[in-house]
Amino acid sequence: MKNFLKKFSKVGYFYIFRFGDFEVNIPLPMRWSDPQGVGLSIEIRDIINILIGLGSVVAVAMIIVSGITLITSTGDPEKVEQGQRTLTGAIIGLVIVWVAGLIIKTILTALKV
C-alpha cells in the first residue's frame, strides 16, 4: 500500500497514477468553490467524485460481464441464474454508490465543509 501511495500524486486539475512507465491521468471536475478557498473540503469532494466514478465503472463492467454470461449460457440454468445474480448485484451496487455519494455530498453541503 505504501508503494501505491508513493506512486499517487496530485498535479493541477488531474490526478496522476504512475505504474512503472504507464501513467493514467484522471481529470478532476470543476472546483466547487472559489480558487482562494482551496482547502480540505475540495480534496474530500474530489476524492468522493473519483470514488463514485470508479464504483460506477466497476458496476458497468459487471453489468457487461453478466450480459455476456447470460448470452453465452446457451440455456444452462446455472449460468442463467449466475448471470441474473451478477446483474442484480451490479445494479444494486451502482444504486448504493450513487445514493451514498449523494448523501455524503448533501451532508458536506449542509455542514458547509
C-alpha atoms as a PDB file:
ATOM      1  CA  MET A   1       0.000   0.000   0.000  1.00  0.00           C
ATOM      2  CA  LYS A   2       2.863   2.380   0.774  1.00  0.00           C
ATOM      3  CA  ASN A   3       4.299   1.892  -2.711  1.00  0.00           C
ATOM      4  CA  PHE A   4       0.915   2.711  -4.229  1.00  0.00           C
ATOM      5  CA  LEU A   5       0.652   5.918  -2.183  1.00  0.00           C
ATOM      6  CA  LYS A   6       4.155   6.943  -3.257  1.00  0.00           C
ATOM      7  CA  LYS A   7       3.149   6.497  -6.899  1.00  0.00           C
ATOM      8  CA  PHE A   8      -0.009   8.576  -6.417  1.00  0.00           C
ATOM      9  CA  SER A   9       0.343  12.322  -6.765  1.00  0.00           C
ATOM     10  CA  LYS A  10      -1.917  15.282  -7.449  1.00  0.00           C
ATOM     11  CA  VAL A  11      -0.855  17.782 -10.075  1.00  0.00           C
ATOM     12  CA  GLY A  12      -3.070  20.699 -11.112  1.00  0.00           C
ATOM     13  CA  TYR A  13      -6.512  19.600 -12.208  1.00  0.00           C
ATOM     14  CA  PHE A  14      -5.516  15.970 -12.790  1.00  0.00           C
ATOM     15  CA  TYR A  15      -4.865  13.013 -10.554  1.00  0.00           C
ATOM     16  CA  ILE A  16      -1.909  11.128 -11.957  1.00  0.00           C
ATOM     17  CA  PHE A  17      -1.407   7.429 -11.224  1.00  0.00           C
ATOM     18  CA  ARG A  18       2.013   6.076 -12.187  1.00  0.00           C
ATOM     19  CA  PHE A  19       2.696   2.358 -12.555  1.00  0.00           C
ATOM     20  CA  GLY A  20       6.237   2.000 -13.823  1.00  0.00           C
ATOM     21  CA  ASP A  21       6.301   3.530 -17.297  1.00  0.00           C
ATOM     22  CA  PHE A  22       2.495   3.529 -17.521  1.00  0.00           C
ATOM     23  CA  GLU A  23       0.693   6.729 -16.489  1.00  0.00           C
ATOM     24  CA  VAL A  24      -3.043   7.408 -16.115  1.00  0.00           C
ATOM     25  CA  ASN A  25      -4.346  10.992 -15.915  1.00  0.00           C
ATOM     26  CA  ILE A  26      -7.822  11.420 -14.428  1.00  0.00           C
ATOM     27  CA  PRO A  27      -9.262  14.907 -14.948  1.00  0.00           C
ATOM     28  CA  LEU A  28     -10.906  16.438 -11.900  1.00  0.00           C
ATOM     29  CA  PRO A  29     -14.334  18.051 -12.035  1.00  0.00           C
ATOM     30  CA  MET A  30     -14.570  21.818 -11.780  1.00  0.00           C
ATOM     31  CA  ARG A  31     -13.794  23.228  -8.354  1.00  0.00           C
ATOM     32  CA  TRP A  32     -16.867  23.782  -6.191  1.00  0.00           C
ATOM     33  CA  SER A  33     -15.616  26.931  -4.526  1.00  0.00           C
ATOM     34  CA  ASP A  34     -13.513  29.915  -5.417  1.00  0.00           C
ATOM     35  CA  PRO A  35      -9.796  29.309  -6.055  1.00  0.00           C
ATOM     36  CA  GLN A  36      -8.931  31.234  -2.893  1.00  0.00           C
ATOM     37  CA  GLY A  37     -10.905  28.746  -0.800  1.00  0.00           C
ATOM     38  CA  VAL A  38      -8.893  25.692  -1.835  1.00  0.00           C
ATOM     39  CA  GLY A  39      -8.653  23.518   1.223  1.00  0.00           C
ATOM     40  CA  LEU A  40      -9.522  20.179   2.710  1.00  0.00           C
ATOM     41  CA  SER A  41     -13.150  20.317   1.569  1.00  0.00           C
ATOM     42  CA  ILE A  42     -12.049  20.443  -2.081  1.00  0.00           C
ATOM     43  CA  GLU A  43      -9.833  17.422  -1.540  1.00  0.00           C
ATOM     44  CA  ILE A  44     -12.668  15.493   0.131  1.00  0.00           C
ATOM     45  CA  ARG A  45     -15.089  16.290  -2.686  1.00  0.00           C
ATOM     46  CA  ASP A  46     -12.508  15.358  -5.324  1.00  0.00           C
ATOM     47  CA  ILE A  47     -11.859  12.028  -3.642  1.00  0.00           C
ATOM     48  CA  ILE A  48     -15.600  11.347  -3.324  1.00  0.00           C
ATOM     49  CA  ASN A  49     -16.141  12.155  -7.019  1.00  0.00           C
ATOM     50  CA  ILE A  50     -13.305   9.834  -8.037  1.00  0.00           C
ATOM     51  CA  LEU A  51     -14.625   7.014  -5.840  1.00  0.00           C
ATOM     52  CA  ILE A  52     -18.134   7.424  -7.264  1.00  0.00           C
ATOM     53  CA  GLY A  53     -16.681   7.333 -10.764  1.00  0.00           C
ATOM     54  CA  LEU A  54     -14.603   4.230 -10.067  1.00  0.00           C
ATOM     55  CA  GLY A  55     -17.553   2.484  -8.416  1.00  0.00           C
ATOM     56  CA  SER A  56     -19.728   3.307 -11.409  1.00  0.00           C
ATOM     57  CA  VAL A  57     -17.131   1.970 -13.838  1.00  0.00           C
ATOM     58  CA  VAL A  58     -16.860  -1.295 -11.878  1.00  0.00           C
ATOM     59  CA  ALA A  59     -20.660  -1.654 -11.777  1.00  0.00           C
ATOM     60  CA  VAL A  60     -20.977  -1.074 -15.530  1.00  0.00           C
ATOM     61  CA  ALA A  61     -18.204  -3.617 -16.143  1.00  0.00           C
ATOM     62  CA  MET A  62     -20.093  -6.153 -14.037  1.00  0.00           C
ATOM     63  CA  ILE A  63     -23.294  -5.430 -15.965  1.00  0.00           C
ATOM     64  CA  ILE A  64     -21.400  -6.168 -19.188  1.00  0.00           C
ATOM     65  CA  VAL A  65     -19.939  -9.375 -17.716  1.00  0.00           C
ATOM     66  CA  SER A  66     -23.377 -10.512 -16.575  1.00  0.00           C
ATOM     67  CA  GLY A  67     -24.784  -9.811 -20.042  1.00  0.00           C
ATOM     68  CA  ILE A  68     -22.037 -11.884 -21.636  1.00  0.00           C
ATOM     69  CA  THR A  69     -22.734 -14.667 -19.123  1.00  0.00           C
ATOM     70  CA  LEU A  70     -26.431 -14.587 -19.986  1.00  0.00           C
ATOM     71  CA  ILE A  71     -25.769 -14.581 -23.733  1.00  0.00           C
ATOM     72  CA  THR A  72     -23.291 -17.460 -23.590  1.00  0.00           C
ATOM     73  CA  SER A  73     -25.328 -19.551 -21.139  1.00  0.00           C
ATOM     74  CA  THR A  74     -26.957 -21.498 -24.016  1.00  0.00           C
ATOM     75  CA  GLY A  75     -29.923 -22.312 -21.810  1.00  0.00           C
ATOM     76  CA  ASP A  76     -27.881 -23.736 -18.915  1.00  0.00           C
ATOM     77  CA  PRO A  77     -29.987 -22.904 -15.825  1.00  0.00           C
ATOM     78  CA  GLU A  78     -26.935 -22.461 -13.567  1.00  0.00           C
ATOM     79  CA  LYS A  79     -25.293 -19.930 -15.876  1.00  0.00           C
ATOM     80  CA  VAL A  80     -28.569 -18.082 -16.403  1.00  0.00           C
ATOM     81  CA  GLU A  81     -29.042 -17.830 -12.636  1.00  0.00           C
ATOM     82  CA  GLN A  82     -25.419 -16.723 -12.165  1.00  0.00           C
ATOM     83  CA  GLY A  83     -25.833 -14.013 -14.830  1.00  0.00           C
ATOM     84  CA  GLN A  84     -29.053 -12.795 -13.250  1.00  0.00           C
ATOM     85  CA  ARG A  85     -27.469 -12.646  -9.773  1.00  0.00           C
ATOM     86  CA  THR A  86     -24.468 -10.752 -11.132  1.00  0.00           C
ATOM     87  CA  LEU A  87     -26.734  -8.306 -12.966  1.00  0.00           C
ATOM     88  CA  THR A  88     -28.881  -7.751  -9.872  1.00  0.00           C
ATOM     89  CA  GLY A  89     -25.820  -7.249  -7.660  1.00  0.00           C
ATOM     90  CA  ALA A  90     -24.236  -4.805 -10.116  1.00  0.00           C
ATOM     91  CA  ILE A  91     -27.380  -2.689 -10.363  1.00  0.00           C
ATOM     92  CA  ILE A  92     -27.840  -2.680  -6.575  1.00  0.00           C
ATOM     93  CA  GLY A  93     -24.163  -1.739  -6.145  1.00  0.00           C
ATOM     94  CA  LEU A  94     -24.499   1.100  -8.645  1.00  0.00           C
ATOM     95  CA  VAL A  95     -27.533   2.486  -6.825  1.00  0.00           C
ATOM     96  CA  ILE A  96     -25.747   2.206  -3.457  1.00  0.00           C
ATOM     97  CA  VAL A  97     -22.693   4.067  -4.797  1.00  0.00           C
ATOM     98  CA  TRP A  98     -24.809   6.887  -6.216  1.00  0.00           C
ATOM     99  CA  VAL A  99     -27.028   7.223  -3.133  1.00  0.00           C
ATOM    100  CA  ALA A 100     -24.027   7.147  -0.776  1.00  0.00           C
ATOM    101  CA  GLY A 101     -22.337   9.871  -2.830  1.00  0.00           C
ATOM    102  CA  LEU A 102     -25.499  11.959  -2.771  1.00  0.00           C
ATOM    103  CA  ILE A 103     -25.855  11.575   0.997  1.00  0.00           C
ATOM    104  CA  ILE A 104     -22.199  12.438   1.649  1.00  0.00           C
ATOM    105  CA  LYS A 105     -22.317  15.484  -0.647  1.00  0.00           C
ATOM    106  CA  THR A 106     -25.562  16.650   0.990  1.00  0.00           C
ATOM    107  CA  ILE A 107     -24.024  16.342   4.462  1.00  0.00           C
ATOM    108  CA  LEU A 108     -20.869  18.206   3.365  1.00  0.00           C
ATOM    109  CA  THR A 109     -23.002  20.968   1.845  1.00  0.00           C
ATOM    110  CA  ALA A 110     -25.183  21.215   4.973  1.00  0.00           C
ATOM    111  CA  LEU A 111     -22.079  21.438   7.186  1.00  0.00           C
ATOM    112  CA  LYS A 112     -20.554  23.942   4.741  1.00  0.00           C
ATOM    113  CA  VAL A 113     -17.351  21.910   4.552  1.00  0.00           C
END
